[in-house]
Amino acid sequence: MEKKDNKGENPVKTYAIVSQLGFNIITPLLIFIWGGSVLVSKMGLPDWVMALFVVTGIFVMLCGTISYLLQLIKRYDKGDDKKAQKVVSSRRDNDYYDDSIRKKYE
C-alpha cells in the first residue's frame, strides 16, 4: 500500500483545518464583545470602554488567525528544492535579423 504524499486529500483533515480557522476568528470576538458588554453594564463603565474591547477583540482575532495561517503554510509548504536553471544565451540568439529571411533574398 502506497503512502499518499498530499496532506490535503483527507476530507476530515480539511474540515478540521477550516473549523479551527473559524474558531480562531469567532472566539476572540465573542469573548471580548461579551466581556465588554458585561463589564460596561454591571460596573457602569463609559461606552468608550466597549469600543476598546471590540478593537482589542479584533486585534487578538487578527493575531491568532495570522499565526495559525503561518503555521499551516509551514506545515503544507512543499518547498522549492529545485534550483533555478541557469540561462545560457548565445550572441546568435540575439541578432535582429532572421537568417531565413536573409537567405531568401540572396
N, C-alpha and C. Protein backbone atom coordinates (compact mmCIF):
# COMPACT_ATOMS: atom_id res chain seq x y z
N MET A 1 0.84 -1.18 0.00
CA MET A 1 0.00 0.00 0.00
C MET A 1 0.89 1.25 0.00
N GLU A 2 0.67 2.12 -0.96
CA GLU A 2 1.48 3.32 -1.08
C GLU A 2 0.96 4.41 -0.16
N LYS A 3 1.90 5.13 0.41
CA LYS A 3 1.53 6.24 1.28
C LYS A 3 1.36 7.49 0.41
N LYS A 4 0.23 8.17 0.59
CA LYS A 4 -0.04 9.36 -0.20
C LYS A 4 0.78 10.52 0.33
N ASP A 5 1.32 11.32 -0.59
CA ASP A 5 2.18 12.43 -0.21
C ASP A 5 1.40 13.71 0.03
N ASN A 6 0.21 13.79 -0.56
CA ASN A 6 -0.58 15.02 -0.44
C ASN A 6 -1.34 15.01 0.88
N LYS A 7 -1.06 16.00 1.76
CA LYS A 7 -1.67 16.03 3.08
C LYS A 7 -3.09 16.57 3.05
N GLY A 8 -3.52 17.19 1.98
CA GLY A 8 -4.83 17.82 1.95
C GLY A 8 -5.93 16.99 1.35
N GLU A 9 -5.69 15.73 1.04
CA GLU A 9 -6.71 14.92 0.39
C GLU A 9 -7.76 14.37 1.35
N ASN A 10 -7.44 14.21 2.61
CA ASN A 10 -8.38 13.66 3.57
C ASN A 10 -9.42 14.72 3.92
N PRO A 11 -10.71 14.47 3.65
CA PRO A 11 -11.74 15.48 3.92
C PRO A 11 -11.91 15.79 5.40
N VAL A 12 -11.62 14.84 6.28
CA VAL A 12 -11.74 15.09 7.71
C VAL A 12 -10.66 16.08 8.16
N LYS A 13 -9.45 15.93 7.63
CA LYS A 13 -8.38 16.87 7.97
C LYS A 13 -8.70 18.26 7.43
N THR A 14 -9.26 18.32 6.24
CA THR A 14 -9.63 19.61 5.67
C THR A 14 -10.72 20.28 6.50
N TYR A 15 -11.71 19.51 6.93
CA TYR A 15 -12.77 20.05 7.78
C TYR A 15 -12.20 20.54 9.11
N ALA A 16 -11.26 19.79 9.67
CA ALA A 16 -10.65 20.18 10.94
C ALA A 16 -9.88 21.49 10.80
N ILE A 17 -9.18 21.66 9.70
CA ILE A 17 -8.41 22.88 9.47
C ILE A 17 -9.34 24.08 9.32
N VAL A 18 -10.39 23.91 8.53
CA VAL A 18 -11.33 25.01 8.30
C VAL A 18 -12.08 25.37 9.57
N SER A 19 -12.48 24.36 10.34
CA SER A 19 -13.20 24.65 11.58
C SER A 19 -12.29 25.32 12.61
N GLN A 20 -11.03 24.92 12.65
CA GLN A 20 -10.08 25.58 13.56
C GLN A 20 -9.86 27.04 13.16
N LEU A 21 -9.82 27.30 11.87
CA LEU A 21 -9.68 28.68 11.39
C LEU A 21 -10.90 29.51 11.78
N GLY A 22 -12.08 28.94 11.63
CA GLY A 22 -13.30 29.64 12.03
C GLY A 22 -13.35 29.89 13.53
N PHE A 23 -12.88 28.91 14.29
CA PHE A 23 -12.82 29.05 15.74
C PHE A 23 -11.86 30.18 16.13
N ASN A 24 -10.72 30.27 15.43
CA ASN A 24 -9.75 31.34 15.70
C ASN A 24 -10.31 32.71 15.36
N ILE A 25 -11.24 32.78 14.43
CA ILE A 25 -11.81 34.07 14.04
C ILE A 25 -12.94 34.48 14.97
N ILE A 26 -13.85 33.56 15.29
CA ILE A 26 -15.06 33.91 16.03
C ILE A 26 -14.84 34.04 17.54
N THR A 27 -14.06 33.14 18.13
CA THR A 27 -13.95 33.09 19.59
C THR A 27 -13.44 34.38 20.23
N PRO A 28 -12.32 34.97 19.77
CA PRO A 28 -11.86 36.20 20.43
C PRO A 28 -12.88 37.34 20.33
N LEU A 29 -13.55 37.43 19.19
CA LEU A 29 -14.56 38.48 19.05
C LEU A 29 -15.70 38.29 20.04
N LEU A 30 -16.21 37.06 20.13
CA LEU A 30 -17.32 36.80 21.05
C LEU A 30 -16.93 37.04 22.51
N ILE A 31 -15.76 36.57 22.88
CA ILE A 31 -15.32 36.74 24.27
C ILE A 31 -15.14 38.21 24.63
N PHE A 32 -14.48 38.96 23.76
CA PHE A 32 -14.24 40.37 24.08
C PHE A 32 -15.52 41.21 24.00
N ILE A 33 -16.39 40.92 23.05
CA ILE A 33 -17.65 41.68 22.98
C ILE A 33 -18.55 41.33 24.16
N TRP A 34 -18.68 40.06 24.49
CA TRP A 34 -19.49 39.66 25.63
C TRP A 34 -18.91 40.21 26.94
N GLY A 35 -17.58 40.04 27.10
CA GLY A 35 -16.94 40.53 28.32
C GLY A 35 -17.04 42.04 28.45
N GLY A 36 -16.88 42.75 27.33
CA GLY A 36 -17.01 44.20 27.37
C GLY A 36 -18.41 44.65 27.72
N SER A 37 -19.40 43.98 27.15
CA SER A 37 -20.78 44.38 27.46
C SER A 37 -21.14 44.08 28.91
N VAL A 38 -20.66 42.97 29.45
CA VAL A 38 -20.92 42.64 30.86
C VAL A 38 -20.26 43.67 31.77
N LEU A 39 -19.00 44.00 31.49
CA LEU A 39 -18.31 44.99 32.33
C LEU A 39 -18.95 46.37 32.26
N VAL A 40 -19.35 46.77 31.04
CA VAL A 40 -19.97 48.09 30.89
C VAL A 40 -21.31 48.13 31.61
N SER A 41 -22.12 47.09 31.50
CA SER A 41 -23.44 47.11 32.11
C SER A 41 -23.40 46.91 33.63
N LYS A 42 -22.55 46.01 34.11
CA LYS A 42 -22.51 45.69 35.54
C LYS A 42 -21.76 46.76 36.36
N MET A 43 -20.68 47.31 35.79
CA MET A 43 -19.85 48.23 36.55
C MET A 43 -20.15 49.69 36.23
N GLY A 44 -21.01 49.93 35.25
CA GLY A 44 -21.36 51.30 34.90
C GLY A 44 -20.22 52.05 34.24
N LEU A 45 -19.40 51.35 33.46
CA LEU A 45 -18.27 51.99 32.78
C LEU A 45 -18.78 52.80 31.58
N PRO A 46 -18.00 53.78 31.10
CA PRO A 46 -18.42 54.56 29.93
C PRO A 46 -18.45 53.70 28.67
N ASP A 47 -19.15 54.22 27.65
CA ASP A 47 -19.33 53.47 26.41
C ASP A 47 -18.04 53.28 25.62
N TRP A 48 -17.08 54.17 25.78
CA TRP A 48 -15.83 54.03 25.02
C TRP A 48 -15.07 52.78 25.45
N VAL A 49 -15.34 52.25 26.65
CA VAL A 49 -14.70 51.01 27.10
C VAL A 49 -15.17 49.85 26.23
N MET A 50 -16.43 49.86 25.84
CA MET A 50 -16.95 48.82 24.95
C MET A 50 -16.25 48.88 23.59
N ALA A 51 -16.06 50.08 23.08
CA ALA A 51 -15.33 50.22 21.81
C ALA A 51 -13.90 49.71 21.95
N LEU A 52 -13.29 49.96 23.10
CA LEU A 52 -11.93 49.47 23.35
C LEU A 52 -11.89 47.95 23.37
N PHE A 53 -12.90 47.32 23.95
CA PHE A 53 -12.98 45.86 23.95
C PHE A 53 -13.18 45.30 22.54
N VAL A 54 -13.98 45.96 21.74
CA VAL A 54 -14.21 45.50 20.36
C VAL A 54 -12.92 45.58 19.56
N VAL A 55 -12.21 46.70 19.67
CA VAL A 55 -10.95 46.87 18.94
C VAL A 55 -9.91 45.85 19.42
N THR A 56 -9.87 45.60 20.72
CA THR A 56 -8.94 44.60 21.26
C THR A 56 -9.30 43.20 20.76
N GLY A 57 -10.59 42.91 20.69
CA GLY A 57 -11.03 41.61 20.16
C GLY A 57 -10.64 41.42 18.71
N ILE A 58 -10.78 42.48 17.92
CA ILE A 58 -10.38 42.40 16.50
C ILE A 58 -8.88 42.19 16.39
N PHE A 59 -8.10 42.90 17.22
CA PHE A 59 -6.65 42.75 17.19
C PHE A 59 -6.23 41.33 17.57
N VAL A 60 -6.81 40.79 18.63
CA VAL A 60 -6.48 39.42 19.06
C VAL A 60 -6.91 38.42 18.00
N MET A 61 -8.06 38.65 17.36
CA MET A 61 -8.53 37.76 16.30
C MET A 61 -7.55 37.77 15.12
N LEU A 62 -7.10 38.93 14.71
CA LEU A 62 -6.15 39.02 13.60
C LEU A 62 -4.82 38.35 13.93
N CYS A 63 -4.32 38.58 15.13
CA CYS A 63 -3.04 37.97 15.53
C CYS A 63 -3.15 36.44 15.56
N GLY A 64 -4.22 35.92 16.13
CA GLY A 64 -4.40 34.47 16.19
C GLY A 64 -4.59 33.84 14.83
N THR A 65 -5.35 34.51 13.97
CA THR A 65 -5.59 33.96 12.63
C THR A 65 -4.33 33.97 11.79
N ILE A 66 -3.59 35.06 11.85
CA ILE A 66 -2.34 35.14 11.08
C ILE A 66 -1.34 34.11 11.58
N SER A 67 -1.25 33.93 12.88
CA SER A 67 -0.34 32.92 13.44
C SER A 67 -0.74 31.52 12.98
N TYR A 68 -2.02 31.23 12.99
CA TYR A 68 -2.49 29.91 12.56
C TYR A 68 -2.23 29.69 11.06
N LEU A 69 -2.46 30.71 10.26
CA LEU A 69 -2.21 30.57 8.82
C LEU A 69 -0.72 30.39 8.52
N LEU A 70 0.14 31.06 9.26
CA LEU A 70 1.58 30.88 9.06
C LEU A 70 2.01 29.47 9.44
N GLN A 71 1.42 28.91 10.49
CA GLN A 71 1.71 27.52 10.85
C GLN A 71 1.26 26.56 9.76
N LEU A 72 0.09 26.83 9.16
CA LEU A 72 -0.38 25.99 8.07
C LEU A 72 0.53 26.07 6.86
N ILE A 73 1.00 27.27 6.58
CA ILE A 73 1.91 27.43 5.43
C ILE A 73 3.19 26.64 5.66
N LYS A 74 3.73 26.70 6.87
CA LYS A 74 4.95 25.94 7.16
C LYS A 74 4.71 24.44 7.07
N ARG A 75 3.54 24.00 7.52
CA ARG A 75 3.24 22.56 7.53
C ARG A 75 3.02 22.01 6.13
N TYR A 76 2.29 22.73 5.30
CA TYR A 76 1.92 22.21 3.99
C TYR A 76 2.75 22.75 2.85
N ASP A 77 3.78 23.51 3.14
CA ASP A 77 4.64 24.04 2.08
C ASP A 77 5.46 22.90 1.50
N LYS A 78 5.39 22.76 0.21
CA LYS A 78 6.14 21.69 -0.45
C LYS A 78 7.61 22.06 -0.60
N GLY A 79 7.88 23.33 -0.60
CA GLY A 79 9.27 23.77 -0.70
C GLY A 79 9.79 23.64 -2.12
N ASP A 80 10.49 24.60 -2.53
CA ASP A 80 11.10 24.56 -3.86
C ASP A 80 12.57 24.21 -3.70
N ASP A 81 12.81 22.90 -3.67
CA ASP A 81 14.19 22.44 -3.53
C ASP A 81 14.93 22.50 -4.85
N LYS A 82 14.20 22.65 -5.92
CA LYS A 82 14.84 22.72 -7.22
C LYS A 82 15.53 24.06 -7.38
N LYS A 83 16.73 24.01 -7.87
CA LYS A 83 17.46 25.26 -8.12
C LYS A 83 17.01 25.81 -9.47
N ALA A 84 17.09 27.10 -9.59
CA ALA A 84 16.72 27.73 -10.85
C ALA A 84 17.72 27.33 -11.92
N GLN A 85 17.19 27.06 -13.09
CA GLN A 85 18.06 26.67 -14.19
C GLN A 85 18.85 27.87 -14.67
N LYS A 86 20.10 27.62 -15.01
CA LYS A 86 20.96 28.68 -15.49
C LYS A 86 20.56 29.01 -16.93
N VAL A 87 20.44 30.30 -17.21
CA VAL A 87 20.06 30.75 -18.53
C VAL A 87 21.33 31.00 -19.33
N VAL A 88 21.44 30.29 -20.44
CA VAL A 88 22.60 30.45 -21.30
C VAL A 88 22.12 31.04 -22.61
N SER A 89 22.79 32.08 -23.04
CA SER A 89 22.39 32.75 -24.27
C SER A 89 23.59 32.91 -25.18
N SER A 90 23.36 32.75 -26.44
CA SER A 90 24.41 32.93 -27.43
C SER A 90 24.17 34.25 -28.15
N ARG A 91 25.23 34.82 -28.70
CA ARG A 91 25.07 36.08 -29.44
C ARG A 91 24.21 35.87 -30.67
N ARG A 92 24.24 34.67 -31.22
CA ARG A 92 23.42 34.41 -32.40
C ARG A 92 21.94 34.43 -32.07
N ASP A 93 21.59 34.16 -30.83
CA ASP A 93 20.18 34.18 -30.43
C ASP A 93 19.64 35.60 -30.35
N ASN A 94 20.52 36.57 -30.23
CA ASN A 94 20.08 37.93 -30.01
C ASN A 94 20.24 38.84 -31.22
N ASP A 95 20.44 38.25 -32.41
CA ASP A 95 20.58 39.12 -33.58
C ASP A 95 19.21 39.63 -34.01
N TYR A 96 19.24 40.73 -34.73
CA TYR A 96 17.98 41.38 -35.11
C TYR A 96 17.38 40.82 -36.38
N TYR A 97 18.15 40.09 -37.13
CA TYR A 97 17.67 39.63 -38.42
C TYR A 97 17.57 38.12 -38.41
N ASP A 98 16.53 37.63 -39.02
CA ASP A 98 16.34 36.19 -39.12
C ASP A 98 17.16 35.68 -40.29
N ASP A 99 17.89 34.59 -40.09
CA ASP A 99 18.75 34.05 -41.15
C ASP A 99 17.94 33.56 -42.33
N SER A 100 16.73 33.04 -42.10
CA SER A 100 15.95 32.51 -43.21
C SER A 100 15.51 33.64 -44.15
N ILE A 101 15.26 34.83 -43.64
CA ILE A 101 14.88 35.95 -44.49
C ILE A 101 16.08 36.40 -45.31
N ARG A 102 17.27 36.41 -44.71
CA ARG A 102 18.49 36.80 -45.45
C ARG A 102 18.74 35.86 -46.60
N LYS A 103 18.61 34.57 -46.36
CA LYS A 103 18.86 33.58 -47.40
C LYS A 103 17.81 33.68 -48.51
N LYS A 104 16.62 34.11 -48.19
CA LYS A 104 15.56 34.22 -49.17
C LYS A 104 15.89 35.29 -50.22
N TYR A 105 16.49 36.39 -49.79
CA TYR A 105 16.76 37.50 -50.71
C TYR A 105 18.17 37.45 -51.31
N GLU A 106 18.98 36.49 -50.94
CA GLU A 106 20.33 36.44 -51.52
C GLU A 106 20.34 35.76 -52.84
